[in-house]
Amino acid sequence: MGKYWLMVVVAAVFEVMWVAGLKHADSFWSWALTVLAIIISFGVLIYSGKKLPTSTVYAIFVGLGTAGTVISEMVLFGEPFSWTKVGLIGLLLGGILGLKLVTPDHEEKPRKEGEVA
């Protein structure tokens, strides 16, 4: 996996952290960590989106974040386990993997501001 694709995964991990923080933060420090996770998540996502196809990067980021959030809610926060949820997460991850497999790994030159594609 390329460096920038790994960064997308890292951004998605931080997304799961800040989404959980939005729901469960109850003190100054937990809110501070939530805001930090938001900044890191979007900073890493924006950086990797400059090096990879933005539409695929965003779709993978959101898909991994969604899957991670559902799984973390079941594992860490007592959300009821459901085989239907697990199956749908598997379907989602299959789509994410498919997107990754059909997206070329070569880096495109970043466009300059105002430059037309």
N, C-alpha and C. Protein backbone atom coordinates (compact mmCIF):
# COMPACT_ATOMS: atom_id res chain seq x y z
N MET A 1 0.85 -1.18 0.00
CA MET A 1 0.00 0.00 0.00
C MET A 1 0.90 1.23 0.00
N GLY A 2 0.55 2.17 -0.84
CA GLY A 2 1.36 3.37 -0.94
C GLY A 2 1.22 4.26 0.28
N LYS A 3 2.18 5.14 0.41
CA LYS A 3 2.23 6.06 1.54
C LYS A 3 0.94 6.88 1.65
N TYR A 4 0.44 7.35 0.53
CA TYR A 4 -0.74 8.23 0.58
C TYR A 4 -2.01 7.45 0.87
N TRP A 5 -2.10 6.19 0.40
CA TRP A 5 -3.26 5.37 0.75
C TRP A 5 -3.24 5.04 2.24
N LEU A 6 -2.07 4.81 2.78
CA LEU A 6 -1.96 4.57 4.22
C LEU A 6 -2.42 5.81 5.00
N MET A 7 -2.12 6.98 4.47
CA MET A 7 -2.56 8.21 5.12
C MET A 7 -4.09 8.31 5.12
N VAL A 8 -4.74 7.81 4.07
CA VAL A 8 -6.21 7.81 4.03
C VAL A 8 -6.75 6.93 5.16
N VAL A 9 -6.12 5.78 5.37
CA VAL A 9 -6.54 4.88 6.45
C VAL A 9 -6.34 5.56 7.80
N VAL A 10 -5.21 6.24 7.98
CA VAL A 10 -4.95 6.95 9.23
C VAL A 10 -6.01 8.04 9.45
N ALA A 11 -6.35 8.76 8.39
CA ALA A 11 -7.38 9.80 8.49
C ALA A 11 -8.72 9.18 8.91
N ALA A 12 -9.03 8.00 8.37
CA ALA A 12 -10.29 7.33 8.73
C ALA A 12 -10.28 6.88 10.19
N VAL A 13 -9.14 6.44 10.70
CA VAL A 13 -9.04 6.07 12.11
C VAL A 13 -9.33 7.28 13.00
N PHE A 14 -8.74 8.42 12.64
CA PHE A 14 -9.02 9.63 13.41
C PHE A 14 -10.47 10.07 13.25
N GLU A 15 -11.07 9.79 12.10
CA GLU A 15 -12.49 10.10 11.92
C GLU A 15 -13.34 9.31 12.92
N VAL A 16 -13.04 8.03 13.07
CA VAL A 16 -13.78 7.20 14.03
C VAL A 16 -13.63 7.78 15.43
N MET A 17 -12.42 8.24 15.75
CA MET A 17 -12.18 8.80 17.08
C MET A 17 -13.01 10.07 17.31
N TRP A 18 -13.04 10.97 16.31
CA TRP A 18 -13.78 12.22 16.55
C TRP A 18 -15.28 12.02 16.51
N VAL A 19 -15.75 11.07 15.70
CA VAL A 19 -17.19 10.80 15.69
C VAL A 19 -17.62 10.25 17.06
N ALA A 20 -16.84 9.33 17.61
CA ALA A 20 -17.14 8.80 18.94
C ALA A 20 -17.05 9.92 19.98
N GLY A 21 -16.08 10.82 19.80
CA GLY A 21 -15.94 11.94 20.72
C GLY A 21 -17.13 12.87 20.70
N LEU A 22 -17.70 13.09 19.51
CA LEU A 22 -18.87 13.96 19.43
C LEU A 22 -20.04 13.40 20.24
N LYS A 23 -20.13 12.08 20.29
CA LYS A 23 -21.24 11.47 21.01
C LYS A 23 -20.94 11.31 22.50
N HIS A 24 -19.70 11.00 22.85
CA HIS A 24 -19.39 10.58 24.21
C HIS A 24 -18.55 11.56 25.02
N ALA A 25 -18.07 12.65 24.43
CA ALA A 25 -17.23 13.60 25.18
C ALA A 25 -18.06 14.28 26.26
N ASP A 26 -17.47 14.36 27.45
CA ASP A 26 -18.20 14.96 28.57
C ASP A 26 -17.32 15.82 29.47
N SER A 27 -16.10 16.10 29.02
CA SER A 27 -15.22 16.96 29.80
C SER A 27 -14.40 17.82 28.84
N PHE A 28 -13.74 18.81 29.41
CA PHE A 28 -12.92 19.69 28.59
C PHE A 28 -11.89 18.91 27.79
N TRP A 29 -11.19 17.97 28.45
CA TRP A 29 -10.11 17.23 27.77
C TRP A 29 -10.64 16.29 26.70
N SER A 30 -11.79 15.67 26.95
CA SER A 30 -12.33 14.79 25.90
C SER A 30 -12.79 15.62 24.71
N TRP A 31 -13.33 16.82 24.96
CA TRP A 31 -13.69 17.70 23.83
C TRP A 31 -12.44 18.20 23.12
N ALA A 32 -11.39 18.50 23.86
CA ALA A 32 -10.13 18.94 23.25
C ALA A 32 -9.55 17.84 22.36
N LEU A 33 -9.59 16.60 22.83
CA LEU A 33 -9.10 15.49 22.01
C LEU A 33 -9.98 15.28 20.78
N THR A 34 -11.27 15.51 20.92
CA THR A 34 -12.18 15.38 19.78
C THR A 34 -11.84 16.41 18.71
N VAL A 35 -11.62 17.64 19.12
CA VAL A 35 -11.25 18.70 18.17
C VAL A 35 -9.91 18.40 17.52
N LEU A 36 -8.95 17.91 18.30
CA LEU A 36 -7.64 17.53 17.75
C LEU A 36 -7.79 16.42 16.72
N ALA A 37 -8.63 15.44 17.01
CA ALA A 37 -8.86 14.34 16.06
C ALA A 37 -9.49 14.86 14.76
N ILE A 38 -10.40 15.83 14.87
CA ILE A 38 -11.00 16.43 13.67
C ILE A 38 -9.92 17.11 12.83
N ILE A 39 -9.07 17.88 13.47
CA ILE A 39 -8.01 18.60 12.75
C ILE A 39 -7.06 17.63 12.07
N ILE A 40 -6.63 16.60 12.79
CA ILE A 40 -5.70 15.62 12.21
C ILE A 40 -6.38 14.86 11.07
N SER A 41 -7.61 14.42 11.29
CA SER A 41 -8.33 13.65 10.29
C SER A 41 -8.44 14.41 8.97
N PHE A 42 -8.95 15.63 9.04
CA PHE A 42 -9.14 16.39 7.82
C PHE A 42 -7.82 16.89 7.23
N GLY A 43 -6.85 17.19 8.06
CA GLY A 43 -5.53 17.60 7.55
C GLY A 43 -4.88 16.50 6.74
N VAL A 44 -4.89 15.28 7.28
CA VAL A 44 -4.30 14.14 6.58
C VAL A 44 -5.11 13.82 5.32
N LEU A 45 -6.43 13.89 5.42
CA LEU A 45 -7.29 13.63 4.26
C LEU A 45 -7.02 14.63 3.13
N ILE A 46 -6.94 15.89 3.46
CA ILE A 46 -6.70 16.92 2.45
C ILE A 46 -5.33 16.72 1.80
N TYR A 47 -4.32 16.42 2.60
CA TYR A 47 -2.98 16.20 2.06
C TYR A 47 -2.96 15.02 1.10
N SER A 48 -3.56 13.90 1.50
CA SER A 48 -3.55 12.73 0.63
C SER A 48 -4.42 12.96 -0.61
N GLY A 49 -5.48 13.75 -0.47
CA GLY A 49 -6.34 14.06 -1.60
C GLY A 49 -5.65 14.88 -2.67
N LYS A 50 -4.58 15.57 -2.31
CA LYS A 50 -3.79 16.33 -3.28
C LYS A 50 -2.89 15.42 -4.11
N LYS A 51 -2.63 14.23 -3.61
CA LYS A 51 -1.72 13.30 -4.29
C LYS A 51 -2.45 12.15 -4.98
N LEU A 52 -3.69 11.90 -4.60
CA LEU A 52 -4.48 10.77 -5.12
C LEU A 52 -5.79 11.31 -5.69
N PRO A 53 -6.50 10.48 -6.46
CA PRO A 53 -7.80 10.91 -6.99
C PRO A 53 -8.77 11.25 -5.85
N THR A 54 -9.18 12.48 -5.79
CA THR A 54 -9.96 12.99 -4.65
C THR A 54 -11.26 12.24 -4.43
N SER A 55 -11.98 11.92 -5.50
CA SER A 55 -13.27 11.24 -5.34
C SER A 55 -13.10 9.87 -4.71
N THR A 56 -12.09 9.13 -5.12
CA THR A 56 -11.84 7.80 -4.55
C THR A 56 -11.35 7.92 -3.12
N VAL A 57 -10.48 8.87 -2.87
CA VAL A 57 -9.96 9.08 -1.52
C VAL A 57 -11.11 9.37 -0.56
N TYR A 58 -12.01 10.26 -0.96
CA TYR A 58 -13.11 10.63 -0.07
C TYR A 58 -14.06 9.45 0.15
N ALA A 59 -14.36 8.71 -0.91
CA ALA A 59 -15.25 7.55 -0.77
C ALA A 59 -14.66 6.51 0.17
N ILE A 60 -13.37 6.26 0.05
CA ILE A 60 -12.71 5.28 0.91
C ILE A 60 -12.66 5.81 2.35
N PHE A 61 -12.35 7.07 2.52
CA PHE A 61 -12.31 7.69 3.85
C PHE A 61 -13.66 7.56 4.55
N VAL A 62 -14.73 7.91 3.85
CA VAL A 62 -16.06 7.86 4.46
C VAL A 62 -16.47 6.41 4.73
N GLY A 63 -16.18 5.50 3.80
CA GLY A 63 -16.54 4.10 4.00
C GLY A 63 -15.83 3.47 5.18
N LEU A 64 -14.51 3.71 5.26
CA LEU A 64 -13.76 3.17 6.40
C LEU A 64 -14.20 3.81 7.71
N GLY A 65 -14.48 5.10 7.67
CA GLY A 65 -14.96 5.78 8.87
C GLY A 65 -16.30 5.24 9.33
N THR A 66 -17.19 4.99 8.37
CA THR A 66 -18.50 4.43 8.71
C THR A 66 -18.37 3.04 9.30
N ALA A 67 -17.60 2.19 8.64
CA ALA A 67 -17.41 0.83 9.15
C ALA A 67 -16.76 0.86 10.53
N GLY A 68 -15.72 1.68 10.68
CA GLY A 68 -15.04 1.77 11.97
C GLY A 68 -15.93 2.30 13.07
N THR A 69 -16.79 3.25 12.74
CA THR A 69 -17.70 3.81 13.74
C THR A 69 -18.72 2.78 14.20
N VAL A 70 -19.29 2.04 13.27
CA VAL A 70 -20.28 1.02 13.63
C VAL A 70 -19.61 -0.07 14.48
N ILE A 71 -18.44 -0.51 14.07
CA ILE A 71 -17.74 -1.56 14.82
C ILE A 71 -17.35 -1.05 16.21
N SER A 72 -16.81 0.17 16.29
CA SER A 72 -16.40 0.68 17.60
C SER A 72 -17.60 0.87 18.53
N GLU A 73 -18.74 1.28 17.98
CA GLU A 73 -19.95 1.41 18.81
C GLU A 73 -20.36 0.05 19.38
N MET A 74 -20.25 -1.00 18.57
CA MET A 74 -20.63 -2.34 19.06
C MET A 74 -19.62 -2.86 20.07
N VAL A 75 -18.33 -2.65 19.81
CA VAL A 75 -17.28 -3.22 20.66
C VAL A 75 -17.07 -2.40 21.94
N LEU A 76 -17.05 -1.08 21.82
CA LEU A 76 -16.67 -0.25 22.95
C LEU A 76 -17.83 0.38 23.71
N PHE A 77 -18.96 0.60 23.04
CA PHE A 77 -20.00 1.40 23.66
C PHE A 77 -21.33 0.68 23.82
N GLY A 78 -21.34 -0.64 23.68
CA GLY A 78 -22.53 -1.42 24.00
C GLY A 78 -23.66 -1.39 23.00
N GLU A 79 -23.40 -0.93 21.78
CA GLU A 79 -24.42 -0.99 20.73
C GLU A 79 -24.71 -2.47 20.46
N PRO A 80 -25.96 -2.87 20.31
CA PRO A 80 -26.28 -4.28 20.10
C PRO A 80 -25.63 -4.85 18.84
N PHE A 81 -25.08 -6.06 18.97
CA PHE A 81 -24.46 -6.76 17.85
C PHE A 81 -25.55 -7.26 16.92
N SER A 82 -25.30 -7.17 15.62
CA SER A 82 -26.26 -7.64 14.64
C SER A 82 -25.51 -8.23 13.45
N TRP A 83 -25.87 -9.45 13.06
CA TRP A 83 -25.24 -10.07 11.89
C TRP A 83 -25.56 -9.28 10.63
N THR A 84 -26.71 -8.64 10.61
CA THR A 84 -27.06 -7.81 9.46
C THR A 84 -26.08 -6.65 9.33
N LYS A 85 -25.75 -6.00 10.45
CA LYS A 85 -24.77 -4.91 10.42
C LYS A 85 -23.42 -5.42 9.95
N VAL A 86 -23.00 -6.57 10.47
CA VAL A 86 -21.71 -7.14 10.08
C VAL A 86 -21.69 -7.44 8.58
N GLY A 87 -22.78 -8.00 8.07
CA GLY A 87 -22.85 -8.30 6.64
C GLY A 87 -22.81 -7.04 5.79
N LEU A 88 -23.51 -6.01 6.22
CA LEU A 88 -23.51 -4.76 5.48
C LEU A 88 -22.15 -4.07 5.53
N ILE A 89 -21.47 -4.17 6.68
CA ILE A 89 -20.11 -3.63 6.77
C ILE A 89 -19.20 -4.39 5.81
N GLY A 90 -19.36 -5.72 5.74
CA GLY A 90 -18.58 -6.51 4.80
C GLY A 90 -18.82 -6.08 3.36
N LEU A 91 -20.07 -5.82 3.03
CA LEU A 91 -20.42 -5.34 1.69
C LEU A 91 -19.78 -3.98 1.43
N LEU A 92 -19.85 -3.10 2.42
CA LEU A 92 -19.23 -1.78 2.31
C LEU A 92 -17.72 -1.89 2.10
N LEU A 93 -17.07 -2.73 2.91
CA LEU A 93 -15.62 -2.91 2.78
C LEU A 93 -15.25 -3.54 1.45
N GLY A 94 -16.11 -4.42 0.93
CA GLY A 94 -15.88 -4.99 -0.39
C GLY A 94 -15.91 -3.91 -1.47
N GLY A 95 -16.85 -2.98 -1.36
CA GLY A 95 -16.91 -1.87 -2.30
C GLY A 95 -15.70 -0.97 -2.19
N ILE A 96 -15.24 -0.73 -0.96
CA ILE A 96 -14.05 0.09 -0.75
C ILE A 96 -12.83 -0.57 -1.37
N LEU A 97 -12.69 -1.87 -1.13
CA LEU A 97 -11.57 -2.61 -1.71
C LEU A 97 -11.64 -2.56 -3.23
N GLY A 98 -12.84 -2.71 -3.79
CA GLY A 98 -13.00 -2.63 -5.24
C GLY A 98 -12.58 -1.27 -5.77
N LEU A 99 -12.98 -0.20 -5.09
CA LEU A 99 -12.56 1.14 -5.52
C LEU A 99 -11.05 1.28 -5.50
N LYS A 100 -10.44 0.77 -4.45
CA LYS A 100 -8.98 0.86 -4.34
C LYS A 100 -8.30 0.07 -5.46
N LEU A 101 -8.84 -1.10 -5.79
CA LEU A 101 -8.22 -1.94 -6.81
C LEU A 101 -8.32 -1.35 -8.21
N VAL A 102 -9.38 -0.60 -8.49
CA VAL A 102 -9.54 -0.04 -9.84
C VAL A 102 -8.97 1.37 -9.96
N THR A 103 -8.43 1.91 -8.87
CA THR A 103 -7.84 3.25 -8.90
C THR A 103 -6.33 3.12 -9.06
N PRO A 104 -5.78 3.77 -10.08
CA PRO A 104 -4.33 3.68 -10.28
C PRO A 104 -3.56 4.28 -9.10
N ASP A 105 -2.41 3.68 -8.79
CA ASP A 105 -1.60 4.14 -7.67
C ASP A 105 -0.67 5.28 -8.03
N HIS A 106 -0.50 5.56 -9.32
CA HIS A 106 0.44 6.61 -9.69
C HIS A 106 -0.03 7.96 -9.17
N GLU A 107 0.93 8.76 -8.81
CA GLU A 107 0.61 10.08 -8.28
C GLU A 107 0.46 11.04 -9.43
N GLU A 108 -0.60 11.82 -9.39
CA GLU A 108 -0.78 12.86 -10.38
C GLU A 108 -0.09 14.11 -9.88
N LYS A 109 0.35 14.93 -10.83
CA LYS A 109 0.93 16.20 -10.43
C LYS A 109 -0.19 17.07 -9.85
N PRO A 110 0.02 17.64 -8.68
CA PRO A 110 -1.02 18.52 -8.14
C PRO A 110 -1.23 19.72 -9.04
N ARG A 111 -2.49 20.09 -9.26
CA ARG A 111 -2.79 21.24 -10.10
C ARG A 111 -2.53 22.52 -9.34
N LYS A 112 -2.06 23.52 -10.10
CA LYS A 112 -1.86 24.83 -9.50
C LYS A 112 -3.21 25.52 -9.38
N GLU A 113 -3.29 26.44 -8.46
CA GLU A 113 -4.53 27.16 -8.23
C GLU A 113 -4.98 27.83 -9.53
N GLY A 114 -6.23 27.61 -9.90
CA GLY A 114 -6.78 28.20 -11.11
C GLY A 114 -6.53 27.41 -12.37
N GLU A 115 -5.72 26.33 -12.30
CA GLU A 115 -5.41 25.52 -13.48
C GLU A 115 -6.58 24.59 -13.78
N VAL A 116 -6.94 24.50 -15.05
CA VAL A 116 -8.04 23.64 -15.48
C VAL A 116 -7.53 22.24 -15.70
N ALA A 117 -8.36 21.25 -15.34
CA ALA A 117 -7.97 19.85 -15.47
C ALA A 117 -7.80 19.45 -16.91
